[in-house]
Amino acid sequence: MISLDEAVTARLESHGARFEVLVDPDAALEIKRGEFDEDLEDYIAAEDVFEDASSGDRPAEDDLEKVFDTTDPLEIIPEVIKEGEIQITADQRREMQEQKRKQLITTIARNAINPQMDDAPHPPERIENALEEAGFTVDPMEPVSEQVDDALDDLRPVIPIRFEEVSIAVQIPPEHAGSAQAKIRQYGDLESEEWQPDGSWIGVITFPAGLQNDFYDVVNENTSGKAETQVVKDKDDLKTR
């Protein structure tokens, strides 16, 4: 279950009665869209249906039976969310908006590059400042994934930006190959790998271009800075990093 502070109220009025449930806001939106496939008990603040959640008053069982044909809260809660309205306070709205804003910045920074600066990633601070300059407003009630395209449209007049993946070839010397390759290969999609006769390891990893700096940090930390890396443009065009 979640805490009361994390929950929003979903309210349904039907047959002259009111029904309220306390639920995680993102889960509520997924339930409304028919996209929720998690364990409901992990995303509610109370396994109960209320007439007034703020006071703890409960509706009559006859009203539950009349509207939902059951008194089981776990069956009723999704119906209240689907058919009712999600109530959020001004403070909850601000908090949700701030959380979604941070998620949006992280998502864009992980996937975006600057095509005018040799495809270098944009730091999160630059994304944040550009969103503010563009006047983009994050919708606290929409998933971040559905706001990315609109955010990019607003960002493009402010900064050069596009989403892209990058493939990087890494060669790890023998003394680090065993442990380092195990961590590096998990960073993205391993396109190919080859063990050399001297015990060194070469692999090509593909991942969101915005994570390049983090990737190089991981490589350096696990090889004491002794690995060699190349950004793979195509089979015949390699650029040493």
Protein backbone atom coordinates (compact mmCIF):
# COMPACT_ATOMS: atom_id res chain seq x y z
CA MET A 1 0.00 0.00 0.00
CA ILE A 2 0.95 3.65 -0.39
CA SER A 3 0.82 6.39 2.24
CA LEU A 4 -2.07 8.83 2.53
CA ASP A 5 0.27 11.65 1.52
CA GLU A 6 0.93 9.93 -1.81
CA ALA A 7 -2.73 9.20 -2.57
CA VAL A 8 -5.36 11.14 -4.46
CA THR A 9 -9.10 10.69 -4.14
CA ALA A 10 -11.18 9.14 -6.89
CA ARG A 11 -14.89 9.95 -6.50
CA LEU A 12 -18.01 8.50 -8.08
CA GLU A 13 -21.57 9.67 -7.48
CA SER A 14 -24.27 7.24 -8.54
CA HIS A 15 -27.82 6.32 -7.50
CA GLY A 16 -27.87 9.16 -4.98
CA ALA A 17 -24.75 7.89 -3.18
CA ARG A 18 -21.10 8.94 -3.18
CA PHE A 19 -18.13 6.59 -3.27
CA GLU A 20 -14.50 7.60 -2.71
CA VAL A 21 -11.25 5.61 -2.84
CA LEU A 22 -7.62 6.55 -2.14
CA VAL A 23 -5.19 5.62 -4.89
CA ASP A 24 -1.79 6.41 -6.39
CA PRO A 25 -2.33 9.15 -9.03
CA ASP A 26 -0.34 7.47 -11.81
CA ALA A 27 -2.05 4.14 -11.17
CA ALA A 28 -5.43 5.90 -11.29
CA LEU A 29 -4.65 7.30 -14.73
CA GLU A 30 -3.50 3.89 -15.98
CA ILE A 31 -6.67 2.27 -14.65
CA LYS A 32 -8.78 4.88 -16.45
CA ARG A 33 -6.97 4.08 -19.70
CA GLY A 34 -7.27 0.33 -19.19
CA GLU A 35 -3.47 0.03 -19.03
CA PHE A 36 -3.04 -1.07 -15.42
CA ASP A 37 -1.77 -4.62 -14.88
CA GLU A 38 -0.14 -4.41 -11.45
CA ASP A 39 -1.26 -5.61 -8.02
CA LEU A 40 -3.90 -3.06 -6.99
CA GLU A 41 -3.13 -3.46 -3.28
CA ASP A 42 0.32 -1.92 -3.86
CA TYR A 43 -1.21 1.28 -5.26
CA ILE A 44 -3.99 2.13 -2.81
CA ALA A 45 -3.84 3.81 0.58
CA ALA A 46 -6.73 1.81 2.04
CA GLU A 47 -8.45 -1.40 1.04
CA ASP A 48 -11.76 0.30 1.58
CA VAL A 49 -14.48 2.37 -0.09
CA PHE A 50 -15.62 5.57 1.61
CA GLU A 51 -18.57 7.88 1.41
CA ASP A 52 -16.22 10.63 2.58
CA ALA A 53 -12.54 9.66 2.62
CA SER A 54 -11.52 12.72 4.63
CA SER A 55 -13.76 11.76 7.54
CA GLY A 56 -13.53 7.98 7.09
CA ASP A 57 -17.31 7.60 6.67
CA ARG A 58 -18.35 4.54 4.69
CA PRO A 59 -21.37 4.06 2.42
CA ALA A 60 -24.14 1.63 3.25
CA GLU A 61 -23.55 -1.93 2.04
CA ASP A 62 -26.93 -1.77 0.29
CA ASP A 63 -25.64 1.13 -1.81
CA LEU A 64 -22.51 -0.84 -2.72
CA GLU A 65 -24.58 -3.82 -3.78
CA LYS A 66 -26.99 -1.62 -5.75
CA VAL A 67 -24.27 0.17 -7.73
CA PHE A 68 -21.49 -2.43 -8.00
CA ASP A 69 -23.22 -5.77 -7.32
CA THR A 70 -20.57 -6.50 -4.69
CA THR A 71 -19.17 -5.21 -1.41
CA ASP A 72 -15.59 -6.30 -2.18
CA PRO A 73 -13.40 -3.15 -2.11
CA LEU A 74 -10.82 -4.60 -4.53
CA GLU A 75 -13.56 -5.06 -7.11
CA ILE A 76 -15.18 -1.69 -6.43
CA ILE A 77 -12.05 0.50 -6.34
CA PRO A 78 -11.21 0.11 -10.06
CA GLU A 79 -14.82 0.85 -10.99
CA VAL A 80 -14.86 4.04 -8.92
CA ILE A 81 -11.67 5.15 -10.66
CA LYS A 82 -12.87 4.23 -14.16
CA GLU A 83 -16.31 5.78 -13.89
CA GLY A 84 -15.55 8.62 -11.46
CA GLU A 85 -13.33 11.68 -11.30
CA ILE A 86 -9.86 12.02 -9.81
CA GLN A 87 -9.77 14.74 -7.16
CA ILE A 88 -6.45 16.41 -6.41
CA THR A 89 -5.62 19.34 -4.17
CA ALA A 90 -3.56 22.32 -5.31
CA ASP A 91 -0.58 21.01 -3.30
CA GLN A 92 -0.92 17.54 -4.83
CA ARG A 93 -1.15 19.05 -8.29
CA ARG A 94 2.03 21.09 -7.76
CA GLU A 95 3.89 18.07 -6.38
CA MET A 96 2.74 15.83 -9.24
CA GLN A 97 3.69 18.49 -11.76
CA GLU A 98 7.16 18.83 -10.27
CA GLN A 99 7.69 15.05 -10.29
CA LYS A 100 6.57 14.81 -13.93
CA ARG A 101 8.81 17.76 -14.85
CA LYS A 102 11.85 16.01 -13.38
CA GLN A 103 10.93 12.75 -15.13
CA LEU A 104 10.51 14.60 -18.43
CA ILE A 105 13.91 16.30 -18.12
CA THR A 106 15.56 12.98 -17.28
CA THR A 107 13.89 11.22 -20.21
CA ILE A 108 14.94 13.88 -22.70
CA ALA A 109 18.48 14.15 -21.33
CA ARG A 110 18.91 10.35 -21.56
CA ASN A 111 17.84 10.18 -25.19
CA ALA A 112 18.69 13.52 -26.81
CA ILE A 113 21.83 14.80 -28.50
CA ASN A 114 23.03 18.14 -29.87
CA PRO A 115 23.43 17.67 -33.65
CA GLN A 116 25.42 20.90 -33.88
CA MET A 117 28.01 19.80 -31.32
CA ASP A 118 29.21 16.50 -32.73
CA ASP A 119 26.15 14.68 -31.35
CA ALA A 120 27.14 15.44 -27.76
CA PRO A 121 24.47 14.88 -25.10
CA HIS A 122 22.58 17.79 -23.58
CA PRO A 123 23.11 18.16 -19.80
CA PRO A 124 19.86 18.00 -17.78
CA GLU A 125 20.38 21.61 -16.67
CA ARG A 126 20.35 22.76 -20.31
CA ILE A 127 17.14 20.82 -20.97
CA GLU A 128 15.56 22.31 -17.86
CA ASN A 129 16.52 25.88 -18.79
CA ALA A 130 15.37 25.41 -22.37
CA LEU A 131 11.99 24.06 -21.29
CA GLU A 132 11.57 27.11 -19.08
CA GLU A 133 12.60 29.46 -21.89
CA ALA A 134 10.20 27.71 -24.26
CA GLY A 135 7.38 28.12 -21.75
CA PHE A 136 6.52 24.43 -21.79
CA THR A 137 4.01 23.46 -19.11
CA VAL A 138 4.06 19.91 -17.81
CA ASP A 139 0.65 18.29 -17.42
CA PRO A 140 0.59 16.49 -14.05
CA MET A 141 -2.25 14.25 -15.20
CA GLU A 142 -0.59 12.92 -18.36
CA PRO A 143 2.15 10.26 -18.56
CA VAL A 144 5.59 11.64 -19.32
CA SER A 145 5.83 9.41 -22.40
CA GLU A 146 2.88 11.25 -23.94
CA GLN A 147 4.43 14.68 -23.32
CA VAL A 148 7.90 14.07 -24.77
CA ASP A 149 7.00 14.84 -28.40
CA ASP A 150 5.27 18.10 -27.49
CA ALA A 151 8.23 19.08 -25.31
CA LEU A 152 10.66 18.40 -28.17
CA ASP A 153 8.56 20.52 -30.54
CA ASP A 154 8.83 23.42 -28.08
CA LEU A 155 12.55 22.82 -27.45
CA ARG A 156 13.70 22.81 -31.08
CA PRO A 157 13.37 26.59 -31.60
CA VAL A 158 15.41 27.10 -28.42
CA ILE A 159 18.21 24.51 -28.72
CA PRO A 160 19.37 22.09 -31.44
CA ILE A 161 18.11 18.71 -30.32
CA ARG A 162 17.07 15.30 -31.59
CA PHE A 163 16.59 11.81 -30.18
CA GLU A 164 19.15 9.26 -31.24
CA GLU A 165 20.91 6.07 -30.21
CA VAL A 166 24.66 5.63 -30.33
CA SER A 167 26.81 2.53 -30.83
CA ILE A 168 30.19 2.47 -29.12
CA ALA A 169 32.94 -0.09 -29.54
CA VAL A 170 34.91 -0.80 -26.38
CA GLN A 171 38.22 -2.64 -26.08
CA ILE A 172 39.12 -3.71 -22.53
CA PRO A 173 42.66 -4.87 -21.70
CA PRO A 174 43.14 -8.40 -20.34
CA GLU A 175 43.68 -7.37 -16.72
CA HIS A 176 40.21 -5.79 -16.55
CA ALA A 177 38.29 -7.74 -19.17
CA GLY A 178 36.70 -10.35 -16.91
CA SER A 179 34.90 -8.06 -14.47
CA ALA A 180 34.55 -4.92 -16.59
CA GLN A 181 32.90 -6.49 -19.62
CA ALA A 182 30.20 -8.04 -17.41
CA LYS A 183 29.14 -4.56 -16.24
CA ILE A 184 29.62 -2.74 -19.53
CA ARG A 185 27.64 -5.24 -21.59
CA GLN A 186 24.58 -4.57 -19.38
CA TYR A 187 24.60 -0.85 -20.12
CA GLY A 188 22.65 -1.22 -23.37
CA ASP A 189 22.10 -3.65 -26.21
CA LEU A 190 25.20 -5.74 -26.91
CA GLU A 191 25.47 -5.77 -30.71
CA SER A 192 28.62 -7.91 -30.90
CA GLU A 193 31.53 -9.13 -28.81
CA GLU A 194 34.84 -10.85 -29.37
CA TRP A 195 37.53 -12.19 -27.06
CA GLN A 196 41.02 -11.57 -28.37
CA PRO A 197 43.91 -14.08 -28.15
CA ASP A 198 45.64 -11.90 -25.54
CA GLY A 199 42.58 -12.03 -23.26
CA SER A 200 41.24 -8.57 -24.08
CA TRP A 201 37.56 -8.06 -24.88
CA ILE A 202 35.94 -6.03 -27.64
CA GLY A 203 32.24 -5.29 -27.62
CA VAL A 204 29.83 -2.94 -29.40
CA ILE A 205 27.08 -1.49 -27.18
CA THR A 206 24.04 0.50 -28.39
CA PHE A 207 22.15 2.81 -26.00
CA PRO A 208 20.42 6.24 -25.90
CA ALA A 209 22.87 8.88 -27.09
CA GLY A 210 22.24 11.13 -24.12
CA LEU A 211 23.90 8.58 -21.83
CA GLN A 212 27.31 8.78 -23.46
CA ASN A 213 29.02 10.67 -20.64
CA ASP A 214 27.64 8.23 -18.06
CA PHE A 215 28.78 5.33 -20.22
CA TYR A 216 32.33 6.63 -20.43
CA ASP A 217 32.32 7.06 -16.65
CA VAL A 218 31.32 3.42 -16.21
CA VAL A 219 33.99 2.25 -18.64
CA ASN A 220 36.73 4.31 -16.98
CA GLU A 221 35.73 3.31 -13.45
CA ASN A 222 35.84 -0.39 -14.30
CA THR A 223 39.05 -0.35 -16.35
CA SER A 224 41.13 2.24 -14.46
CA GLY A 225 40.89 4.41 -17.56
CA LYS A 226 42.73 1.86 -19.71
CA ALA A 227 39.90 0.95 -22.10
CA GLU A 228 39.73 2.23 -25.68
CA THR A 229 36.39 3.39 -27.08
CA GLN A 230 35.16 4.31 -30.54
CA VAL A 231 31.82 5.77 -31.62
CA VAL A 232 30.59 3.57 -34.44
CA LYS A 233 29.15 5.64 -37.28
CA ASP A 234 28.94 2.72 -39.68
CA LYS A 235 31.01 -0.34 -40.54
CA ASP A 236 33.66 1.64 -42.38
CA ASP A 237 33.53 4.92 -40.45
CA LEU A 238 34.84 4.88 -36.91
CA LYS A 239 35.69 7.95 -34.91
CA THR A 240 38.02 7.51 -31.94
CA ARG A 241 36.84 9.03 -28.70
